[in-house]
Protein backbone atom coordinates (compact mmCIF):
# COMPACT_ATOMS: atom_id res chain seq x y z
CA MET A 1 89.91 104.96 105.99
CA PHE A 2 87.52 102.57 105.05
CA GLU A 3 86.30 101.56 109.08
CA GLN A 4 83.43 99.96 107.87
CA THR A 5 83.52 96.59 109.48
CA VAL A 6 80.98 95.15 106.92
CA LEU A 7 84.71 95.33 104.59
CA ASP A 8 85.67 92.19 107.41
CA HIS A 9 82.69 90.21 106.01
CA LEU A 10 82.89 90.53 102.30
CA VAL A 11 85.06 89.28 99.24
CA LEU A 12 85.12 92.20 96.20
CA GLY A 13 86.26 91.68 92.66
CA TYR A 14 85.97 94.69 89.96
CA SER A 15 85.90 94.86 86.28
CA PRO A 16 85.47 98.34 84.06
CA ILE A 17 82.09 98.94 82.06
CA VAL A 18 83.55 100.56 78.75
CA ASP A 19 81.61 102.76 75.94
CA ARG A 20 81.63 103.47 72.38
CA GLN A 21 85.03 105.83 72.95
CA ARG A 22 86.98 103.00 74.66
CA ALA A 23 86.36 105.49 77.68
CA VAL A 24 85.67 103.79 81.23
CA VAL A 25 82.49 105.44 82.10
CA ALA A 26 81.62 102.87 84.71
CA THR A 27 83.34 100.73 87.34
CA ARG A 28 81.64 97.39 88.41
CA LEU A 29 81.89 96.16 91.53
CA THR A 30 81.30 91.99 92.57
CA VAL A 31 80.04 91.70 95.72
CA PHE A 32 80.13 88.25 97.42
CA PRO A 33 79.13 87.66 101.29
CA GLU A 34 81.95 86.28 103.07
CA ARG A 35 79.62 83.08 104.42
CA PRO A 36 76.96 82.46 102.02
CA ASP A 37 73.86 82.76 104.53
CA ALA A 38 75.05 85.86 105.79
CA VAL A 39 73.92 89.06 104.34
CA PRO A 40 76.26 92.05 105.11
CA ASP A 41 75.36 95.71 105.98
CA VAL A 42 74.43 97.46 102.61
CA ALA A 43 74.01 100.73 104.05
CA GLN A 44 77.77 100.15 105.56
CA LEU A 45 78.91 99.17 102.23
CA GLN A 46 77.69 102.54 100.59
CA GLN A 47 79.44 104.25 102.93
CA ALA A 48 82.31 103.14 101.95
CA LEU A 49 81.92 103.18 98.66
CA GLN A 50 81.35 106.95 98.56
CA GLN A 51 84.82 107.54 100.04
CA VAL A 52 85.82 105.81 96.61
CA TRP A 53 83.04 107.70 94.62
CA PRO A 54 81.78 110.43 96.31
CA ALA A 55 78.21 111.99 95.25
CA PRO A 56 78.32 114.10 92.50
CA SER A 57 77.62 117.98 93.43
CA ALA A 58 74.13 118.13 91.48
CA ALA A 59 72.05 115.00 91.73
CA ALA A 60 69.30 116.18 89.92
CA ASP A 61 71.78 116.63 86.76
CA LEU A 62 73.01 113.17 87.21
CA LYS A 63 69.28 111.70 87.11
CA LEU A 64 68.36 113.49 83.68
CA THR A 65 71.31 111.73 82.28
CA LEU A 66 69.21 108.10 82.67
CA ARG A 67 67.26 106.64 79.87
CA PRO A 68 64.43 104.65 82.42
CA LEU A 69 61.86 102.77 79.95
CA GLN A 70 58.65 104.16 78.99
CA PRO A 71 55.53 102.96 77.85
CA ALA A 72 55.18 103.25 73.74
CA GLY A 73 54.21 106.28 73.08
CA GLY A 74 55.73 107.79 75.83
CA ALA A 75 57.75 111.40 75.99
CA ALA A 76 61.19 110.80 74.34
CA THR A 77 64.59 111.16 76.42
CA ALA A 78 67.66 112.22 74.74
CA PRO A 79 69.79 109.35 74.08
CA ALA A 80 73.13 111.21 73.92
CA ARG A 81 74.69 109.88 76.92
CA THR A 82 75.03 106.37 77.69
CA GLY A 83 72.95 107.15 81.27
CA LEU A 84 75.60 104.89 83.64
CA THR A 85 76.81 106.17 86.39
CA PRO A 86 79.90 105.71 88.31
CA VAL A 87 79.22 101.86 90.15
CA SER A 88 77.75 98.79 89.42
CA LEU A 89 76.63 96.70 92.23
CA ASN A 90 76.80 92.91 91.02
CA LEU A 91 75.38 91.68 94.05
CA ALA A 92 75.54 87.95 94.67
CA GLY A 93 72.38 86.38 96.40
CA GLU A 94 69.26 87.07 96.11
CA SER A 95 69.18 88.00 99.47
CA LEU A 96 71.65 90.60 99.52
CA VAL A 97 69.95 92.23 96.39
CA GLN A 98 67.04 92.37 98.38
CA ALA A 99 68.77 93.64 101.40
CA ALA A 100 70.01 96.40 98.92
CA LEU A 101 66.57 97.27 97.64
CA ARG A 102 65.41 98.08 101.22
CA VAL A 103 67.78 100.45 102.37
CA ALA A 104 67.96 104.32 100.79
CA PRO A 105 69.47 104.39 97.24
CA VAL A 106 72.68 106.48 96.57
CA PRO A 107 71.78 108.08 93.53
CA HIS A 108 75.28 107.19 91.53
CA LEU A 109 75.61 103.05 92.50
CA MET A 110 73.53 101.14 90.36
CA ILE A 111 72.14 97.77 91.55
CA GLU A 112 72.19 95.05 89.11
CA VAL A 113 68.62 92.71 89.80
CA PRO A 114 68.87 89.29 88.10
CA SER A 115 66.33 88.96 85.67
CA PHE A 116 64.48 86.07 87.60
CA MET A 117 63.85 88.62 90.49
CA ALA A 118 62.76 91.11 87.92
CA THR A 119 59.63 88.53 86.99
CA ASP A 120 59.26 88.13 90.35
CA ALA A 121 55.83 89.65 91.41
CA ALA A 122 56.24 89.95 95.27
CA LEU A 123 59.49 91.89 94.67
CA ALA A 124 57.50 94.11 92.06
CA PRO A 125 56.74 97.10 95.02
CA ALA A 126 60.61 97.25 96.09
CA LEU A 127 61.73 97.60 92.74
CA ARG A 128 58.85 100.44 92.23
CA GLU A 129 60.08 101.64 95.86
CA GLN A 130 63.60 101.81 95.01
CA HIS A 131 63.05 103.32 91.90
CA ALA A 132 60.62 106.12 92.69
CA ALA A 133 63.32 107.08 95.56
CA GLY A 134 66.20 107.82 92.90
CA GLY A 135 67.48 104.46 92.67
CA ILE A 136 69.17 103.44 89.42
CA LEU A 137 68.38 99.53 88.53
CA LEU A 138 69.80 97.14 86.11
CA ILE A 139 68.28 94.04 84.84
CA LYS A 140 71.39 90.94 85.11
CA GLY A 141 70.62 88.77 82.15
CA ARG A 142 67.72 88.07 79.57
CA PRO A 143 64.29 87.47 81.52
CA LEU A 144 62.49 84.02 80.48
CA SER A 145 59.60 85.08 81.30
CA PRO A 146 57.44 88.78 80.49
CA VAL A 147 58.43 91.65 82.67
CA ALA A 148 55.66 94.06 83.64
CA PRO A 149 55.44 96.82 81.70
CA GLU A 150 55.17 98.79 85.41
CA VAL A 151 58.38 97.10 86.51
CA LEU A 152 60.39 97.16 83.70
CA ALA A 153 60.05 101.00 83.19
CA CYS A 154 61.94 101.10 86.70
CA PHE A 155 65.15 99.65 84.79
CA SER A 156 67.33 101.83 82.81
CA HIS A 157 69.38 99.25 80.74
CA VAL A 158 70.14 95.55 80.70
CA LEU A 159 73.13 93.60 81.01
CA ILE A 160 73.59 90.77 79.16
CA GLU A 161 76.54 88.19 78.60
CA ALA A 162 78.51 88.38 75.40
CA ALA A 163 77.64 84.76 74.43
CA GLU A 164 73.96 85.30 75.03
CA ASP A 165 73.95 88.74 73.65
CA ARG A 166 74.82 87.06 69.94
CA ARG A 167 71.51 85.61 70.04
CA GLY A 168 69.62 88.87 69.79
CA ALA A 169 68.80 92.00 71.42
CA LEU A 170 66.44 91.72 74.34
CA ALA A 171 62.92 91.66 73.45
CA PRO A 172 60.51 94.23 75.35
CA ALA A 173 57.63 93.73 77.10
CA PRO A 174 54.50 94.79 74.99
CA GLY A 175 53.87 98.35 74.88
CA VAL A 176 57.38 99.14 76.25
CA ARG A 177 60.17 100.44 74.12
CA GLN A 178 63.81 98.66 73.59
CA VAL A 179 65.96 98.25 76.94
CA SER A 180 69.29 99.39 76.70
CA THR A 181 71.67 96.97 76.21
CA VAL A 182 75.66 96.75 78.07
CA THR A 183 77.17 93.32 77.42
CA ALA A 184 79.20 92.20 79.85
CA GLY A 185 81.91 89.03 79.58
CA VAL A 186 83.99 91.10 77.24
CA ARG A 187 87.45 89.85 76.72
CA THR A 188 88.98 91.42 73.30
CA ALA A 189 88.57 94.48 71.42
CA ALA A 190 86.87 92.07 68.68
CA ASP A 191 83.89 91.14 71.31
CA ALA A 192 83.81 95.05 72.14
CA GLU A 193 83.30 96.28 68.74
CA ALA A 194 81.23 93.40 67.85
CA ALA A 195 78.76 94.28 70.64
CA PHE A 196 78.54 97.91 69.56
CA HIS A 197 78.06 96.71 66.28
CA ARG A 198 75.04 94.63 67.54
CA GLY A 199 73.84 98.02 69.20
CA ALA A 200 75.35 97.60 73.17
CA ILE A 201 75.95 101.24 74.50
CA ALA A 202 78.73 100.05 76.55
CA VAL A 203 80.31 96.73 77.02
CA GLN A 204 81.99 95.35 80.57
CA GLY A 205 85.14 93.43 80.99
CA TRP A 206 88.83 93.48 80.48
CA PRO A 207 90.32 93.08 77.00
CA PHE A 208 93.21 90.89 78.26
CA ASP A 209 93.27 88.30 75.69
CA ASP A 210 93.86 90.17 73.02
CA PRO A 211 97.27 88.45 71.11
CA LEU A 212 100.24 90.65 70.81
CA PRO A 213 101.51 91.06 66.72
CA ALA A 214 103.95 88.67 65.58
CA ALA A 215 107.33 89.81 66.03
CA SER A 216 108.04 91.01 61.88
CA ALA A 217 104.57 93.29 62.56
CA ARG A 218 106.39 95.33 65.09
CA GLY A 219 107.57 98.76 64.01
CA LYS A 220 110.04 101.39 65.54
CA VAL A 221 109.56 102.30 69.44
CA ALA A 222 107.38 105.48 69.33
CA THR A 223 109.51 108.85 70.50
CA ASP A 224 108.15 109.63 73.07
CA ILE A 225 108.35 106.17 74.42
CA GLN A 226 111.88 105.93 73.84
CA VAL A 227 112.13 109.48 75.90
CA VAL A 228 110.32 108.06 78.75
CA MET A 229 112.67 104.94 78.86
CA GLU A 230 115.78 107.30 78.79
CA LEU A 231 114.48 108.98 82.11
CA ILE A 232 113.63 106.08 83.40
CA GLN A 233 117.31 105.32 82.99
CA GLY A 234 118.23 108.13 84.15
CA VAL A 235 116.68 108.28 87.29
CA ASP A 236 117.41 104.86 87.88
CA ARG A 237 121.20 106.49 87.78
CA GLU A 238 120.28 109.31 89.67
CA GLN A 239 121.75 111.59 86.65
CA PRO A 240 122.14 115.01 86.82
CA VAL A 241 118.93 116.75 86.79
CA ALA A 242 120.24 119.17 84.09
CA GLN A 243 121.06 116.11 81.74
CA LEU A 244 117.25 114.54 82.54
CA GLU A 245 115.19 117.79 81.78
CA ALA A 246 117.75 118.02 78.21
CA VAL A 247 115.87 114.57 77.63
CA LEU A 248 112.72 115.74 78.64
CA LYS A 249 112.77 118.81 76.72
CA ARG A 250 112.61 116.19 73.62
CA ASP A 251 108.88 115.98 74.13
CA PRO A 252 107.28 119.12 75.49
CA THR A 253 103.83 117.34 75.52
CA LEU A 254 105.22 114.48 78.24
CA ALA A 255 106.58 116.74 80.32
CA PHE A 256 102.98 118.39 80.41
CA ARG A 257 101.75 115.19 81.23
CA LEU A 258 104.27 114.01 83.87
CA LEU A 259 103.30 117.74 85.84
CA ARG A 260 99.67 116.59 85.47
CA TYR A 261 100.37 113.78 87.36
CA LEU A 262 102.32 115.13 89.76
CA ASN A 263 100.28 117.87 90.75
CA SER A 264 97.15 115.55 91.10
CA ALA A 265 94.75 114.89 93.99
CA ALA A 266 96.51 111.61 93.92
CA PHE A 267 99.95 112.71 95.03
CA GLY A 268 99.20 115.41 97.72
CA LEU A 269 101.78 117.34 97.25
CA ARG A 270 101.26 121.23 99.55
CA ALA A 271 103.43 122.76 97.00
CA GLU A 272 102.90 122.83 93.33
CA VAL A 273 105.43 121.01 91.08
CA THR A 274 106.63 123.60 88.01
CA SER A 275 109.55 121.75 86.26
CA PHE A 276 111.43 118.57 86.55
CA GLY A 277 113.87 119.64 88.68
CA HIS A 278 111.39 120.65 91.27
CA ALA A 279 110.03 117.50 91.31
CA ILE A 280 113.57 115.49 91.93
CA MET A 281 114.18 118.37 94.68
CA LEU A 282 110.53 117.55 96.32
CA LEU A 283 110.62 113.95 95.72
CA GLY A 284 113.87 112.63 95.30
CA TYR A 285 114.95 109.70 92.35
CA ALA A 286 113.06 106.81 93.83
CA ARG A 287 109.79 108.44 94.57
CA LEU A 288 110.12 110.18 91.04
CA LYS A 289 110.40 106.79 89.41
CA ARG A 290 107.40 105.43 90.19
CA TRP A 291 105.44 108.38 87.91
CA LEU A 292 107.87 107.76 84.95
CA VAL A 293 106.53 104.06 85.33
CA LEU A 294 102.92 105.31 85.28
CA LEU A 295 103.69 107.50 82.24
CA LEU A 296 105.49 104.61 80.23
CA ALA A 297 102.17 102.92 80.54
CA SER A 298 100.14 105.86 79.71
CA SER A 299 102.30 105.98 76.40
CA SER A 300 100.05 103.91 74.49
CA LYS A 301 97.99 105.75 71.66
CA GLY A 302 95.30 102.84 70.57
CA ALA A 303 91.91 103.85 72.40
CA ASN A 304 91.58 99.99 72.88
CA ALA A 305 94.12 100.53 75.63
CA ARG A 306 92.34 102.73 77.63
CA PRO A 307 90.95 100.10 79.40
CA LEU A 308 94.31 98.00 79.80
CA LEU A 309 95.59 101.74 81.26
CA PHE A 310 92.77 101.53 83.60
CA ALA A 311 93.57 97.88 85.02
CA ALA A 312 97.25 98.76 85.03
CA VAL A 313 97.32 102.00 87.28
CA ARG A 314 95.10 99.85 89.49
CA ARG A 315 97.09 96.85 89.72
CA GLY A 316 99.92 99.02 90.61
CA LEU A 317 98.75 100.92 93.47
CA MET A 318 96.84 97.76 94.41
CA MET A 319 100.07 95.77 95.03
CA GLU A 320 101.10 98.95 96.67
CA GLU A 321 98.43 98.77 98.71
CA LEU A 322 98.68 94.81 99.52
CA GLY A 323 102.45 95.00 100.22
CA ARG A 324 101.76 98.32 103.08
CA ALA A 325 101.91 96.11 105.82
CA GLN A 326 104.30 93.73 104.68
CA SER A 327 106.83 95.26 103.27
CA ASP A 328 109.38 98.01 103.32
CA ALA A 329 109.13 101.28 101.35
CA GLU A 330 111.49 100.02 98.68
CA MET A 331 109.33 96.54 98.01
CA ARG A 332 106.35 99.28 98.33
CA GLY A 333 107.72 100.88 95.30
CA GLU A 334 108.64 97.68 93.64
CA MET A 335 105.19 96.01 93.57
CA PHE A 336 103.56 99.55 92.12
CA ILE A 337 106.11 98.88 88.99
CA CYS A 338 105.29 95.17 89.05
CA GLY A 339 101.78 95.94 88.66
CA VAL A 340 101.86 98.56 86.35
CA PHE A 341 104.17 96.68 84.08
CA SER A 342 102.67 93.64 84.21
CA LEU A 343 100.42 94.94 81.35
CA LEU A 344 102.92 97.14 79.80
CA ASP A 345 103.09 94.19 77.01
CA LYS A 346 99.59 94.84 75.99
CA LEU A 347 99.93 98.55 76.15
CA LEU A 348 103.21 98.86 74.39
CA GLN A 349 102.43 96.07 71.86
CA GLN A 350 105.54 94.03 72.55
CA PRO A 351 106.50 90.73 74.39
CA ALA A 352 107.56 91.26 78.08
CA ARG A 353 110.82 89.91 77.77
CA GLU A 354 111.64 92.69 74.85
CA LEU A 355 110.70 95.10 77.02
CA MET A 356 112.40 94.09 80.05
CA GLY A 357 115.91 94.35 77.67
CA SER A 358 114.86 98.13 77.24
CA VAL A 359 113.46 99.31 80.62
CA PRO A 360 115.48 99.08 83.61
CA VAL A 361 113.16 97.27 86.30
CA PRO A 362 114.24 95.58 89.89
CA GLU A 363 115.41 91.92 89.63
CA ARG A 364 112.24 91.10 91.91
CA VAL A 365 109.85 92.80 89.22
CA ARG A 366 111.74 91.13 86.39
CA GLN A 367 111.58 87.44 87.78
CA THR A 368 108.11 88.18 88.40
CA LEU A 369 106.87 89.54 85.13
CA LEU A 370 108.81 86.87 82.94
CA ALA A 371 107.51 83.49 84.98
CA GLU A 372 106.08 81.81 82.55
CA PRO A 373 102.11 82.17 82.22
CA GLY A 374 100.35 79.04 84.04
CA SER A 375 103.08 77.77 86.03
CA GLY A 376 101.61 79.48 89.08
CA PRO A 377 102.94 82.49 90.83
CA GLY A 378 106.25 83.00 89.86
CA GLY A 379 108.98 85.80 91.28
CA PRO A 380 108.49 87.29 94.70
CA TYR A 381 105.75 89.41 93.94
CA GLY A 382 103.60 86.79 92.04
CA PRO A 383 101.49 85.68 94.58
CA TYR A 384 100.14 89.77 95.03
CA LEU A 385 99.70 89.55 91.21
CA GLU A 386 98.02 86.56 91.31
CA LEU A 387 95.29 88.20 93.97
CA VAL A 388 94.86 91.20 92.18
CA ARG A 389 94.13 89.19 88.86
CA ALA A 390 92.03 86.99 90.84
CA ILE A 391 89.74 89.92 92.10
CA GLU A 392 89.79 91.35 88.41
CA GLY A 393 88.30 88.29 87.33
CA GLU A 394 85.70 88.68 90.27
CA SER A 395 86.20 84.92 90.87
CA LEU A 396 85.54 84.29 94.61
CA PHE A 397 87.19 81.19 94.67
CA ASP A 398 90.48 82.21 93.25
CA ILE A 399 90.29 85.32 95.37
CA ARG A 400 90.15 83.24 98.85
CA GLU A 401 92.60 80.74 97.41
CA CYS A 402 94.90 83.78 96.99
CA THR A 403 94.24 85.74 100.15
CA GLU A 404 94.60 82.87 102.04
CA ARG A 405 98.54 81.96 100.48
CA LEU A 406 99.27 85.64 101.51
CA LEU A 407 97.74 84.79 105.06
CA LEU A 408 95.61 87.85 104.52
CA GLY A 409 92.18 88.45 105.65
CA PRO A 410 89.23 90.00 103.66
CA GLY A 411 89.26 92.82 105.61
CA GLU A 412 92.73 93.95 104.49
CA VAL A 413 92.48 92.89 100.87
CA ASN A 414 89.37 94.72 100.52
CA ARG A 415 90.43 97.94 102.20
CA ALA A 416 93.65 97.19 99.70
CA LEU A 417 91.05 97.25 96.83
CA LEU A 418 89.18 100.35 97.84
CA ALA A 419 92.12 102.51 98.64
CA SER A 420 93.65 101.94 95.39
CA LEU A 421 90.61 102.59 93.67
CA ARG A 422 90.10 105.84 95.36
CA GLN A 423 93.45 106.88 94.61
CA ALA A 424 93.13 106.01 90.92
CA GLN A 425 90.15 108.25 90.58
CA GLN A 426 92.33 111.26 91.84
CA LEU A 427 94.58 110.22 89.24
CA ASP A 428 91.89 110.15 86.63
CA GLY A 429 90.62 113.18 87.47
């Protein structure tokens, strides 16, 4: 899995692209060459990404969802869907973008083209050829000069930073209708709502900056969350199966969701799990606890929590993958819990210190999650959590610094990231 050598020469970051219903409809993958003067093998990168996001069964159906720009008066296309496909490649460096335009396109991988390149007449033939071959192109940034209509017609969307988007919609070239906008750099639910109000069809970014409510505004913990907390405590104490099943029966919908997780492709069980007792028999208490952790994280009811849950699942899986070579099974399980619970305060709208008092977590996880913000990597798993946050931030400098602190190579980190994204895709399905 992920044997492509190109992964040893890249630095990867990622973030979600979210539609109006707050569903994650695509993943933006930022790709930095390990050396600024290097041009990595784009075809090999495509092969690696197709192991995470396999080609759809009907590429023709996929292409029908796109809304390429057309000259005014051209045939209308249905605006029912965003037209975004699973992955948007944000390639750092003009040479890397040009290399991507020269290889055969993969129908479900989008390529972001900086606006200054879209206005370069010398690149127009490559853009038209890529589009004609089925490639999906996005303009990144507001063009400072007009884009030729025949070139603009090659792009399905424009990706504009939130600060730039506030200054107004992209003005299309004369004779070409308006471009569908994706607003990038969103950090709060309010940012997302404002972008949608301005007409964006999707937003890119993590809503990590939303503040928690004041202490007086927090209500009673929801019943389903209480049930999951009780189950985690019971599994932690290895209570009898009958006692645990009695707790679960208080909320039948939780039982359904738990069995759905356990029977997902990501879990890889040969036999279908039919009951909570059956799950304990097959898995044991320790392995089952991680899925209860996932169930607790998914208990948030708000639509705005969907991108947070998307991040929490991937954080847990990635921390587990990062610890695969350096730690034993117990530590990997703790690292998974640490990653998922690192966003539990945002998901359940309660301070982490209060949650840690009601949810049983290993001491090393507690130390990591209760470390003071801004004080550097705290707790035993702090350096791993900082690395995951740097990858989410798509910051080349921070990713390198965190990777070096952990004595890891770029290839190890990239393979851990892609493995976790692949497992998460299977869970989502």
